[in-house]
């Protein structure tokens, strides 16, 4: 850019060049303002709770099967909370749904239980050769969020605070990395169990799979990730599948799987029904390539 000293007598060419530079700079500033405005608007849209009817509107001109399945979903579920579609949507959905559950239930026993599991996950990573500095900050931040959703502390937060923190990438990305390390550690620890699943997805070894498909940010999650995270943290997860799969003779239905944590190295059960003693309190909606959070109707809540 051209700058004129106070004593400088600019030529016509200098003035034209200055104006062009200034116009370029003004355009750049305008573009940046528009970018940040759009970015902030998108951030607000993410993690907004909406009535399930928005899905019907979204697919109004789409597949009739999907519209029928949304109608079936609406019989048991009231709302949806969207998450950012950046490849981390499963972990972001799990993060918010779990912390929201603790905030609403104030289940101190559950916090104590998962804290003990997290300590075991640390030991697993250490035994696998991970240096503490590679994961300890991620673990510390999640434990801090866990403490903050319990009321009665100086650092306690409200539901609105939880939403804002979860939209803040400097917080949510660290928590996502916490989940990715926990997931990777569990897969590596039980490599013999997970190897057949991984071979069904790719030709990678367990170690290669963890390095390329679990630990990096932005890598999408499938049933291997869900089983590993559910088992490592001991948290049951229900996933409802909204897809174009054909329906059975009895009519339209929405497939779902319940990922129930294991005891020891017993296989994680993915089933359509679970025992009365284990009920998932996290329910996610899966549409091909993306996870969002589902909310049951009040009468169907587990707590």
C-alpha atoms as a PDB file:
ATOM      1  CA  UNK A   1       0.000   0.000   0.000  1.00  0.00           C
ATOM      2  CA  UNK A   2       1.149   3.568  -0.757  1.00  0.00           C
ATOM      3  CA  UNK A   3       1.604   5.990   2.134  1.00  0.00           C
ATOM      4  CA  UNK A   4       2.219   9.731   1.537  1.00  0.00           C
ATOM      5  CA  UNK A   5       4.616  11.672   3.794  1.00  0.00           C
ATOM      6  CA  UNK A   6       3.156  15.034   4.884  1.00  0.00           C
ATOM      7  CA  UNK A   7       5.668  16.935   2.764  1.00  0.00           C
ATOM      8  CA  UNK A   8       5.225  14.684  -0.244  1.00  0.00           C
ATOM      9  CA  UNK A   9       3.618  16.051  -3.431  1.00  0.00           C
ATOM     10  CA  UNK A  10       2.018  12.990  -5.047  1.00  0.00           C
ATOM     11  CA  UNK A  11       1.634  12.598  -8.780  1.00  0.00           C
ATOM     12  CA  UNK A  12      -1.620  11.597 -10.467  1.00  0.00           C
ATOM     13  CA  UNK A  13      -0.292   8.044 -10.849  1.00  0.00           C
ATOM     14  CA  UNK A  14       0.511   7.925  -7.117  1.00  0.00           C
ATOM     15  CA  UNK A  15      -3.022   9.019  -6.235  1.00  0.00           C
ATOM     16  CA  UNK A  16      -4.611   6.422  -8.559  1.00  0.00           C
ATOM     17  CA  UNK A  17      -2.406   3.675  -7.094  1.00  0.00           C
ATOM     18  CA  UNK A  18      -3.305   4.802  -3.575  1.00  0.00           C
ATOM     19  CA  UNK A  19      -7.026   4.736  -4.361  1.00  0.00           C
ATOM     20  CA  UNK A  20      -6.749   1.255  -5.882  1.00  0.00           C
ATOM     21  CA  UNK A  21      -4.883   0.000  -2.813  1.00  0.00           C
ATOM     22  CA  UNK A  22      -7.451   1.589  -0.515  1.00  0.00           C
ATOM     23  CA  UNK A  23     -10.346   0.065  -2.483  1.00  0.00           C
ATOM     24  CA  UNK A  24      -8.665  -3.352  -2.279  1.00  0.00           C
ATOM     25  CA  UNK A  25      -8.223  -2.945   1.473  1.00  0.00           C
ATOM     26  CA  UNK A  26     -11.836  -1.791   1.913  1.00  0.00           C
ATOM     27  CA  UNK A  27     -13.047  -4.817  -0.054  1.00  0.00           C
ATOM     28  CA  UNK A  28     -10.917  -7.106   2.085  1.00  0.00           C
ATOM     29  CA  UNK A  29     -12.299  -5.606   5.304  1.00  0.00           C
ATOM     30  CA  UNK A  30     -15.855  -5.966   3.979  1.00  0.00           C
ATOM     31  CA  UNK A  31     -15.238  -9.612   3.053  1.00  0.00           C
ATOM     32  CA  UNK A  32     -13.795 -10.322   6.496  1.00  0.00           C
ATOM     33  CA  UNK A  33     -16.791  -8.680   8.184  1.00  0.00           C
ATOM     34  CA  UNK A  34     -19.195 -10.768   6.103  1.00  0.00           C
ATOM     35  CA  UNK A  35     -17.192 -13.928   6.855  1.00  0.00           C
ATOM     36  CA  UNK A  36     -17.219 -13.369  10.615  1.00  0.00           C
ATOM     37  CA  UNK A  37     -20.908 -12.432  10.567  1.00  0.00           C
ATOM     38  CA  UNK A  38     -21.777 -15.641   8.703  1.00  0.00           C
ATOM     39  CA  UNK A  39     -19.471 -17.665  10.967  1.00  0.00           C
ATOM     40  CA  UNK A  40     -21.166 -16.330  14.088  1.00  0.00           C
ATOM     41  CA  UNK A  41     -24.622 -16.991  12.644  1.00  0.00           C
ATOM     42  CA  UNK A  42     -23.654 -20.583  11.848  1.00  0.00           C
ATOM     43  CA  UNK A  43     -22.253 -21.006  15.360  1.00  0.00           C
ATOM     44  CA  UNK A  44     -25.598 -19.883  16.780  1.00  0.00           C
ATOM     45  CA  UNK A  45     -27.496 -22.368  14.600  1.00  0.00           C
ATOM     46  CA  UNK A  46     -25.393 -25.258  15.876  1.00  0.00           C
ATOM     47  CA  UNK A  47     -26.623 -26.733  19.153  1.00  0.00           C
ATOM     48  CA  UNK A  48     -29.997 -25.006  18.905  1.00  0.00           C
ATOM     49  CA  UNK A  49     -32.745 -27.335  20.095  1.00  0.00           C
ATOM     50  CA  UNK A  50     -35.527 -27.531  17.514  1.00  0.00           C
ATOM     51  CA  UNK A  51     -38.813 -29.438  17.297  1.00  0.00           C
ATOM     52  CA  UNK A  52     -38.533 -32.692  15.375  1.00  0.00           C
ATOM     53  CA  UNK A  53     -40.981 -31.294  12.827  1.00  0.00           C
ATOM     54  CA  UNK A  54     -38.079 -29.378  11.234  1.00  0.00           C
ATOM     55  CA  UNK A  55     -36.894 -32.689   9.785  1.00  0.00           C
ATOM     56  CA  UNK A  56     -40.210 -33.148   7.982  1.00  0.00           C
ATOM     57  CA  UNK A  57     -39.835 -29.674   6.503  1.00  0.00           C
ATOM     58  CA  UNK A  58     -36.251 -30.466   5.503  1.00  0.00           C
ATOM     59  CA  UNK A  59     -37.270 -33.632   3.634  1.00  0.00           C
ATOM     60  CA  UNK A  60     -40.616 -32.344   2.332  1.00  0.00           C
ATOM     61  CA  UNK A  61     -39.579 -32.786  -1.298  1.00  0.00           C
ATOM     62  CA  UNK A  62     -37.452 -35.848  -0.599  1.00  0.00           C
ATOM     63  CA  UNK A  63     -38.001 -39.555  -0.106  1.00  0.00           C
ATOM     64  CA  UNK A  64     -41.503 -40.583   1.089  1.00  0.00           C
ATOM     65  CA  UNK A  65     -39.868 -43.338   3.160  1.00  0.00           C
ATOM     66  CA  UNK A  66     -37.859 -40.757   5.101  1.00  0.00           C
ATOM     67  CA  UNK A  67     -40.975 -38.685   5.781  1.00  0.00           C
ATOM     68  CA  UNK A  68     -42.778 -41.767   7.089  1.00  0.00           C
ATOM     69  CA  UNK A  69     -39.818 -42.641   9.306  1.00  0.00           C
ATOM     70  CA  UNK A  70     -39.701 -39.109  10.689  1.00  0.00           C
ATOM     71  CA  UNK A  71     -43.370 -39.491  11.568  1.00  0.00           C
ATOM     72  CA  UNK A  72     -42.547 -42.727  13.422  1.00  0.00           C
ATOM     73  CA  UNK A  73     -39.691 -40.966  15.238  1.00  0.00           C
ATOM     74  CA  UNK A  74     -42.035 -38.181  16.323  1.00  0.00           C
ATOM     75  CA  UNK A  75     -44.111 -40.700  18.279  1.00  0.00           C
ATOM     76  CA  UNK A  76     -41.267 -41.107  20.794  1.00  0.00           C
ATOM     77  CA  UNK A  77     -39.018 -38.098  20.238  1.00  0.00           C
ATOM     78  CA  UNK A  78     -39.830 -34.424  20.585  1.00  0.00           C
ATOM     79  CA  UNK A  79     -36.767 -32.470  19.505  1.00  0.00           C
ATOM     80  CA  UNK A  80     -33.400 -32.479  17.775  1.00  0.00           C
ATOM     81  CA  UNK A  81     -30.212 -30.550  18.494  1.00  0.00           C
ATOM     82  CA  UNK A  82     -27.935 -30.154  15.484  1.00  0.00           C
ATOM     83  CA  UNK A  83     -24.152 -30.414  15.646  1.00  0.00           C
ATOM     84  CA  UNK A  84     -21.456 -29.132  13.330  1.00  0.00           C
ATOM     85  CA  UNK A  85     -20.877 -31.401  10.326  1.00  0.00           C
ATOM     86  CA  UNK A  86     -17.097 -31.348  10.390  1.00  0.00           C
ATOM     87  CA  UNK A  87     -16.275 -35.037  10.828  1.00  0.00           C
ATOM     88  CA  UNK A  88     -16.351 -34.691  14.619  1.00  0.00           C
ATOM     89  CA  UNK A  89     -20.155 -34.694  14.915  1.00  0.00           C
ATOM     90  CA  UNK A  90     -20.400 -37.994  16.825  1.00  0.00           C
ATOM     91  CA  UNK A  91     -17.957 -36.835  19.505  1.00  0.00           C
ATOM     92  CA  UNK A  92     -19.502 -33.348  19.685  1.00  0.00           C
ATOM     93  CA  UNK A  93     -22.986 -34.862  20.039  1.00  0.00           C
ATOM     94  CA  UNK A  94     -21.812 -37.246  22.743  1.00  0.00           C
ATOM     95  CA  UNK A  95     -20.002 -34.443  24.582  1.00  0.00           C
ATOM     96  CA  UNK A  96     -22.983 -32.120  24.769  1.00  0.00           C
ATOM     97  CA  UNK A  97     -25.563 -34.832  25.447  1.00  0.00           C
ATOM     98  CA  UNK A  98     -23.560 -36.374  28.291  1.00  0.00           C
ATOM     99  CA  UNK A  99     -22.738 -33.060  29.986  1.00  0.00           C
ATOM    100  CA  UNK A 100     -26.341 -31.927  29.574  1.00  0.00           C
ATOM    101  CA  UNK A 101     -27.522 -35.157  31.212  1.00  0.00           C
ATOM    102  CA  UNK A 102     -25.273 -34.538  34.224  1.00  0.00           C
ATOM    103  CA  UNK A 103     -26.363 -30.889  34.407  1.00  0.00           C
ATOM    104  CA  UNK A 104     -30.045 -31.866  34.465  1.00  0.00           C
ATOM    105  CA  UNK A 105     -29.819 -34.979  36.637  1.00  0.00           C
ATOM    106  CA  UNK A 106     -27.039 -33.800  39.018  1.00  0.00           C
ATOM    107  CA  UNK A 107     -26.038 -37.457  39.278  1.00  0.00           C
ATOM    108  CA  UNK A 108     -22.935 -37.243  41.484  1.00  0.00           C
ATOM    109  CA  UNK A 109     -22.606 -41.033  41.582  1.00  0.00           C
ATOM    110  CA  UNK A 110     -22.373 -41.094  37.774  1.00  0.00           C
ATOM    111  CA  UNK A 111     -19.718 -38.374  37.846  1.00  0.00           C
ATOM    112  CA  UNK A 112     -17.677 -40.373  40.370  1.00  0.00           C
ATOM    113  CA  UNK A 113     -18.065 -43.502  38.251  1.00  0.00           C
ATOM    114  CA  UNK A 114     -16.965 -41.926  34.972  1.00  0.00           C
ATOM    115  CA  UNK A 115     -14.095 -40.096  36.701  1.00  0.00           C
ATOM    116  CA  UNK A 116     -12.743 -43.474  37.845  1.00  0.00           C
ATOM    117  CA  UNK A 117     -13.071 -44.770  34.275  1.00  0.00           C
ATOM    118  CA  UNK A 118     -11.210 -41.743  32.953  1.00  0.00           C
ATOM    119  CA  UNK A 119      -8.362 -42.425  35.362  1.00  0.00           C
ATOM    120  CA  UNK A 120      -8.213 -45.970  34.014  1.00  0.00           C
ATOM    121  CA  UNK A 121      -8.156 -44.603  30.448  1.00  0.00           C
ATOM    122  CA  UNK A 122      -5.102 -42.518  31.412  1.00  0.00           C
ATOM    123  CA  UNK A 123      -3.335 -45.628  32.661  1.00  0.00           C
ATOM    124  CA  UNK A 124      -4.239 -47.440  29.448  1.00  0.00           C
ATOM    125  CA  UNK A 125      -2.635 -44.738  27.310  1.00  0.00           C
ATOM    126  CA  UNK A 126       0.457 -44.684  29.516  1.00  0.00           C
ATOM    127  CA  UNK A 127       0.796 -48.471  29.257  1.00  0.00           C
ATOM    128  CA  UNK A 128       0.545 -48.182  25.465  1.00  0.00           C
ATOM    129  CA  UNK A 129       3.524 -45.806  25.422  1.00  0.00           C
ATOM    130  CA  UNK A 130       1.773 -42.441  25.100  1.00  0.00           C
ATOM    131  CA  UNK A 131       3.649 -39.591  26.793  1.00  0.00           C
ATOM    132  CA  UNK A 132       1.510 -37.735  29.328  1.00  0.00           C
ATOM    133  CA  UNK A 133       2.004 -34.368  27.622  1.00  0.00           C
ATOM    134  CA  UNK A 134       0.278 -35.652  24.464  1.00  0.00           C
ATOM    135  CA  UNK A 135      -3.098 -36.132  26.150  1.00  0.00           C
ATOM    136  CA  UNK A 136      -3.167 -34.696  29.693  1.00  0.00           C
ATOM    137  CA  UNK A 137      -4.499 -31.238  28.711  1.00  0.00           C
ATOM    138  CA  UNK A 138      -7.442 -32.814  26.886  1.00  0.00           C
ATOM    139  CA  UNK A 139      -8.274 -34.996  29.891  1.00  0.00           C
ATOM    140  CA  UNK A 140      -7.991 -32.054  32.281  1.00  0.00           C
ATOM    141  CA  UNK A 141     -10.369 -29.903  30.249  1.00  0.00           C
ATOM    142  CA  UNK A 142     -13.078 -32.567  30.118  1.00  0.00           C
ATOM    143  CA  UNK A 143     -12.819 -33.167  33.856  1.00  0.00           C
ATOM    144  CA  UNK A 144     -13.157 -29.412  34.337  1.00  0.00           C
ATOM    145  CA  UNK A 145     -16.357 -29.358  32.250  1.00  0.00           C
ATOM    146  CA  UNK A 146     -17.652 -32.306  34.254  1.00  0.00           C
ATOM    147  CA  UNK A 147     -17.051 -30.458  37.515  1.00  0.00           C
ATOM    148  CA  UNK A 148     -18.655 -27.285  36.179  1.00  0.00           C
ATOM    149  CA  UNK A 149     -21.997 -28.893  35.315  1.00  0.00           C
ATOM    150  CA  UNK A 150     -22.391 -30.000  38.932  1.00  0.00           C
ATOM    151  CA  UNK A 151     -24.164 -27.255  40.833  1.00  0.00           C
ATOM    152  CA  UNK A 152     -22.996 -25.845  44.154  1.00  0.00           C
ATOM    153  CA  UNK A 153     -19.439 -25.032  43.060  1.00  0.00           C
ATOM    154  CA  UNK A 154     -17.981 -21.582  42.462  1.00  0.00           C
ATOM    155  CA  UNK A 155     -17.363 -22.642  38.873  1.00  0.00           C
ATOM    156  CA  UNK A 156     -20.851 -24.103  38.290  1.00  0.00           C
ATOM    157  CA  UNK A 157     -22.429 -23.204  34.951  1.00  0.00           C
ATOM    158  CA  UNK A 158     -25.973 -22.901  33.617  1.00  0.00           C
ATOM    159  CA  UNK A 159     -27.483 -24.647  30.608  1.00  0.00           C
ATOM    160  CA  UNK A 160     -26.942 -21.525  28.485  1.00  0.00           C
ATOM    161  CA  UNK A 161     -23.289 -21.494  29.577  1.00  0.00           C
ATOM    162  CA  UNK A 162     -22.951 -25.128  28.504  1.00  0.00           C
ATOM    163  CA  UNK A 163     -24.344 -24.295  25.064  1.00  0.00           C
ATOM    164  CA  UNK A 164     -21.938 -21.370  24.663  1.00  0.00           C
ATOM    165  CA  UNK A 165     -18.932 -23.401  25.787  1.00  0.00           C
ATOM    166  CA  UNK A 166     -19.847 -26.231  23.444  1.00  0.00           C
ATOM    167  CA  UNK A 167     -19.978 -23.759  20.552  1.00  0.00           C
ATOM    168  CA  UNK A 168     -16.527 -22.453  21.491  1.00  0.00           C
ATOM    169  CA  UNK A 169     -14.066 -24.452  19.392  1.00  0.00           C
ATOM    170  CA  UNK A 170     -11.215 -23.775  21.810  1.00  0.00           C
ATOM    171  CA  UNK A 171     -13.207 -25.829  24.331  1.00  0.00           C
ATOM    172  CA  UNK A 172     -15.092 -28.326  22.193  1.00  0.00           C
ATOM    173  CA  UNK A 173     -12.084 -29.284  20.049  1.00  0.00           C
ATOM    174  CA  UNK A 174     -10.099 -30.158  23.184  1.00  0.00           C
ATOM    175  CA  UNK A 175     -12.961 -32.311  24.457  1.00  0.00           C
ATOM    176  CA  UNK A 176     -13.224 -34.009  21.061  1.00  0.00           C
ATOM    177  CA  UNK A 177      -9.520 -34.826  21.276  1.00  0.00           C
ATOM    178  CA  UNK A 178     -10.097 -36.247  24.768  1.00  0.00           C
ATOM    179  CA  UNK A 179     -12.708 -38.612  23.333  1.00  0.00           C
ATOM    180  CA  UNK A 180     -10.458 -39.518  20.406  1.00  0.00           C
ATOM    181  CA  UNK A 181      -7.593 -40.482  22.716  1.00  0.00           C
ATOM    182  CA  UNK A 182      -9.943 -42.506  24.937  1.00  0.00           C
ATOM    183  CA  UNK A 183     -11.351 -44.272  21.871  1.00  0.00           C
ATOM    184  CA  UNK A 184      -7.922 -44.983  20.405  1.00  0.00           C
ATOM    185  CA  UNK A 185      -6.622 -46.323  23.717  1.00  0.00           C
ATOM    186  CA  UNK A 186      -9.576 -48.695  24.075  1.00  0.00           C
ATOM    187  CA  UNK A 187      -9.201 -50.008  20.511  1.00  0.00           C
ATOM    188  CA  UNK A 188      -5.474 -50.582  20.952  1.00  0.00           C
ATOM    189  CA  UNK A 189      -5.947 -52.187  24.372  1.00  0.00           C
ATOM    190  CA  UNK A 190      -8.431 -54.689  22.929  1.00  0.00           C
ATOM    191  CA  UNK A 191      -6.868 -54.985  19.498  1.00  0.00           C
ATOM    192  CA  UNK A 192      -7.793 -58.663  19.063  1.00  0.00           C
ATOM    193  CA  UNK A 193     -11.465 -57.873  19.614  1.00  0.00           C
ATOM    194  CA  UNK A 194     -11.541 -54.836  17.310  1.00  0.00           C
ATOM    195  CA  UNK A 195      -9.327 -56.209  14.526  1.00  0.00           C
ATOM    196  CA  UNK A 196     -12.134 -58.073  12.663  1.00  0.00           C
ATOM    197  CA  UNK A 197     -14.315 -54.938  12.734  1.00  0.00           C
ATOM    198  CA  UNK A 198     -11.458 -52.824  11.390  1.00  0.00           C
ATOM    199  CA  UNK A 199     -10.653 -55.304   8.620  1.00  0.00           C
ATOM    200  CA  UNK A 200     -14.282 -55.021   7.570  1.00  0.00           C
ATOM    201  CA  UNK A 201     -13.807 -51.280   7.104  1.00  0.00           C
ATOM    202  CA  UNK A 202     -10.302 -51.063   5.645  1.00  0.00           C
ATOM    203  CA  UNK A 203      -7.093 -52.974   5.047  1.00  0.00           C
ATOM    204  CA  UNK A 204      -5.363 -51.099   7.856  1.00  0.00           C
ATOM    205  CA  UNK A 205      -3.888 -52.673  10.961  1.00  0.00           C
ATOM    206  CA  UNK A 206      -5.299 -51.667  14.336  1.00  0.00           C
ATOM    207  CA  UNK A 207      -2.402 -49.255  14.862  1.00  0.00           C
ATOM    208  CA  UNK A 208      -2.773 -47.721  11.403  1.00  0.00           C
ATOM    209  CA  UNK A 209      -6.533 -47.387  11.874  1.00  0.00           C
ATOM    210  CA  UNK A 210      -6.074 -45.538  15.155  1.00  0.00           C
ATOM    211  CA  UNK A 211      -3.445 -43.225  13.676  1.00  0.00           C
ATOM    212  CA  UNK A 212      -5.415 -42.365  10.537  1.00  0.00           C
ATOM    213  CA  UNK A 213      -9.108 -42.818  11.407  1.00  0.00           C
ATOM    214  CA  UNK A 214      -9.458 -42.255  15.154  1.00  0.00           C
ATOM    215  CA  UNK A 215      -6.940 -39.773  16.541  1.00  0.00           C
ATOM    216  CA  UNK A 216      -6.932 -37.058  13.818  1.00  0.00           C
ATOM    217  CA  UNK A 217      -9.559 -34.309  14.045  1.00  0.00           C
ATOM    218  CA  UNK A 218     -12.186 -34.399  11.319  1.00  0.00           C
ATOM    219  CA  UNK A 219     -12.198 -38.168  10.811  1.00  0.00           C
ATOM    220  CA  UNK A 220     -15.736 -39.550  10.815  1.00  0.00           C
ATOM    221  CA  UNK A 221     -16.903 -42.152  13.333  1.00  0.00           C
ATOM    222  CA  UNK A 222     -18.675 -45.453  12.833  1.00  0.00           C
ATOM    223  CA  UNK A 223     -19.688 -48.398  15.029  1.00  0.00           C
ATOM    224  CA  UNK A 224     -16.055 -49.178  15.967  1.00  0.00           C
ATOM    225  CA  UNK A 225     -15.606 -45.738  17.517  1.00  0.00           C
ATOM    226  CA  UNK A 226     -18.969 -45.909  19.293  1.00  0.00           C
ATOM    227  CA  UNK A 227     -18.324 -49.348  20.794  1.00  0.00           C
ATOM    228  CA  UNK A 228     -14.856 -48.309  21.988  1.00  0.00           C
ATOM    229  CA  UNK A 229     -15.991 -45.031  23.568  1.00  0.00           C
ATOM    230  CA  UNK A 230     -19.050 -46.617  25.179  1.00  0.00           C
ATOM    231  CA  UNK A 231     -16.943 -49.403  26.676  1.00  0.00           C
ATOM    232  CA  UNK A 232     -14.078 -47.184  27.836  1.00  0.00           C
ATOM    233  CA  UNK A 233     -16.294 -44.646  29.615  1.00  0.00           C
ATOM    234  CA  UNK A 234     -19.058 -47.059  30.573  1.00  0.00           C
ATOM    235  CA  UNK A 235     -21.799 -44.943  28.991  1.00  0.00           C
ATOM    236  CA  UNK A 236     -24.685 -46.592  27.088  1.00  0.00           C
ATOM    237  CA  UNK A 237     -25.589 -44.931  23.784  1.00  0.00           C
ATOM    238  CA  UNK A 238     -28.637 -45.350  21.574  1.00  0.00           C
ATOM    239  CA  UNK A 239     -28.345 -44.526  17.861  1.00  0.00           C
ATOM    240  CA  UNK A 240     -31.466 -44.115  15.737  1.00  0.00           C
ATOM    241  CA  UNK A 241     -30.856 -44.596  12.007  1.00  0.00           C
ATOM    242  CA  UNK A 242     -32.774 -42.367   9.607  1.00  0.00           C
ATOM    243  CA  UNK A 243     -32.064 -43.783   6.172  1.00  0.00           C
ATOM    244  CA  UNK A 244     -33.807 -45.094   3.064  1.00  0.00           C
ATOM    245  CA  UNK A 245     -33.590 -48.754   4.061  1.00  0.00           C
ATOM    246  CA  UNK A 246     -36.738 -50.674   3.187  1.00  0.00           C
ATOM    247  CA  UNK A 247     -39.321 -51.443   5.832  1.00  0.00           C
ATOM    248  CA  UNK A 248     -40.563 -54.857   6.907  1.00  0.00           C
ATOM    249  CA  UNK A 249     -43.983 -56.373   6.268  1.00  0.00           C
ATOM    250  CA  UNK A 250     -45.310 -54.913   9.521  1.00  0.00           C
ATOM    251  CA  UNK A 251     -44.897 -51.386   8.204  1.00  0.00           C
ATOM    252  CA  UNK A 252     -42.547 -48.446   8.584  1.00  0.00           C
ATOM    253  CA  UNK A 253     -40.010 -48.643  11.398  1.00  0.00           C
ATOM    254  CA  UNK A 254     -36.815 -46.849  12.364  1.00  0.00           C
ATOM    255  CA  UNK A 255     -33.836 -49.083  13.068  1.00  0.00           C
ATOM    256  CA  UNK A 256     -31.772 -48.429  16.157  1.00  0.00           C
ATOM    257  CA  UNK A 257     -28.852 -49.939  18.044  1.00  0.00           C
ATOM    258  CA  UNK A 258     -28.133 -49.743  21.743  1.00  0.00           C
ATOM    259  CA  UNK A 259     -24.408 -49.732  22.496  1.00  0.00           C
ATOM    260  CA  UNK A 260     -24.181 -51.149  25.994  1.00  0.00           C
ATOM    261  CA  UNK A 261     -20.854 -50.952  27.893  1.00  0.00           C
ATOM    262  CA  UNK A 262     -19.118 -54.215  28.597  1.00  0.00           C
ATOM    263  CA  UNK A 263     -17.656 -55.606  31.782  1.00  0.00           C
ATOM    264  CA  UNK A 264     -14.061 -56.613  31.215  1.00  0.00           C
ATOM    265  CA  UNK A 265     -13.439 -57.746  27.646  1.00  0.00           C
ATOM    266  CA  UNK A 266     -16.873 -59.187  26.958  1.00  0.00           C
ATOM    267  CA  UNK A 267     -18.241 -58.048  23.606  1.00  0.00           C
ATOM    268  CA  UNK A 268     -20.253 -54.840  23.516  1.00  0.00           C
ATOM    269  CA  UNK A 269     -23.856 -55.622  22.677  1.00  0.00           C
ATOM    270  CA  UNK A 270     -25.530 -53.753  19.852  1.00  0.00           C
ATOM    271  CA  UNK A 271     -29.169 -54.659  20.051  1.00  0.00           C
ATOM    272  CA  UNK A 272     -32.701 -53.457  19.497  1.00  0.00           C
ATOM    273  CA  UNK A 273     -33.617 -54.093  23.097  1.00  0.00           C
ATOM    274  CA  UNK A 274     -31.774 -53.859  26.384  1.00  0.00           C
ATOM    275  CA  UNK A 275     -32.361 -55.064  29.889  1.00  0.00           C
ATOM    276  CA  UNK A 276     -34.411 -52.995  32.293  1.00  0.00           C
ATOM    277  CA  UNK A 277     -31.273 -52.306  34.331  1.00  0.00           C
ATOM    278  CA  UNK A 278     -29.391 -50.590  31.476  1.00  0.00           C
ATOM    279  CA  UNK A 279     -31.107 -47.785  29.597  1.00  0.00           C
ATOM    280  CA  UNK A 280     -29.191 -45.404  27.320  1.00  0.00           C
ATOM    281  CA  UNK A 281     -29.626 -41.798  28.412  1.00  0.00           C
ATOM    282  CA  UNK A 282     -27.834 -40.536  25.310  1.00  0.00           C
ATOM    283  CA  UNK A 283     -29.761 -40.837  22.045  1.00  0.00           C
ATOM    284  CA  UNK A 284     -28.240 -39.772  18.746  1.00  0.00           C
ATOM    285  CA  UNK A 285     -29.828 -39.533  15.320  1.00  0.00           C
ATOM    286  CA  UNK A 286     -27.681 -40.861  12.488  1.00  0.00           C
ATOM    287  CA  UNK A 287     -28.245 -39.742   8.948  1.00  0.00           C
ATOM    288  CA  UNK A 288     -25.670 -40.979   6.418  1.00  0.00           C
ATOM    289  CA  UNK A 289     -22.438 -39.207   7.360  1.00  0.00           C
ATOM    290  CA  UNK A 290     -23.782 -37.200  10.293  1.00  0.00           C
ATOM    291  CA  UNK A 291     -24.906 -37.424  13.938  1.00  0.00           C
ATOM    292  CA  UNK A 292     -27.255 -35.092  15.819  1.00  0.00           C
ATOM    293  CA  UNK A 293     -28.815 -35.295  19.302  1.00  0.00           C
ATOM    294  CA  UNK A 294     -32.368 -36.599  19.796  1.00  0.00           C
ATOM    295  CA  UNK A 295     -34.611 -35.746  22.741  1.00  0.00           C
ATOM    296  CA  UNK A 296     -37.310 -38.183  23.879  1.00  0.00           C
ATOM    297  CA  UNK A 297     -40.721 -36.958  24.871  1.00  0.00           C
ATOM    298  CA  UNK A 298     -40.910 -36.205  28.583  1.00  0.00           C
ATOM    299  CA  UNK A 299     -42.796 -39.407  29.390  1.00  0.00           C
ATOM    300  CA  UNK A 300     -40.029 -41.448  27.726  1.00  0.00           C
ATOM    301  CA  UNK A 301     -37.097 -39.888  29.620  1.00  0.00           C
ATOM    302  CA  UNK A 302     -34.922 -42.288  31.573  1.00  0.00           C
ATOM    303  CA  UNK A 303     -34.350 -40.008  34.560  1.00  0.00           C
END
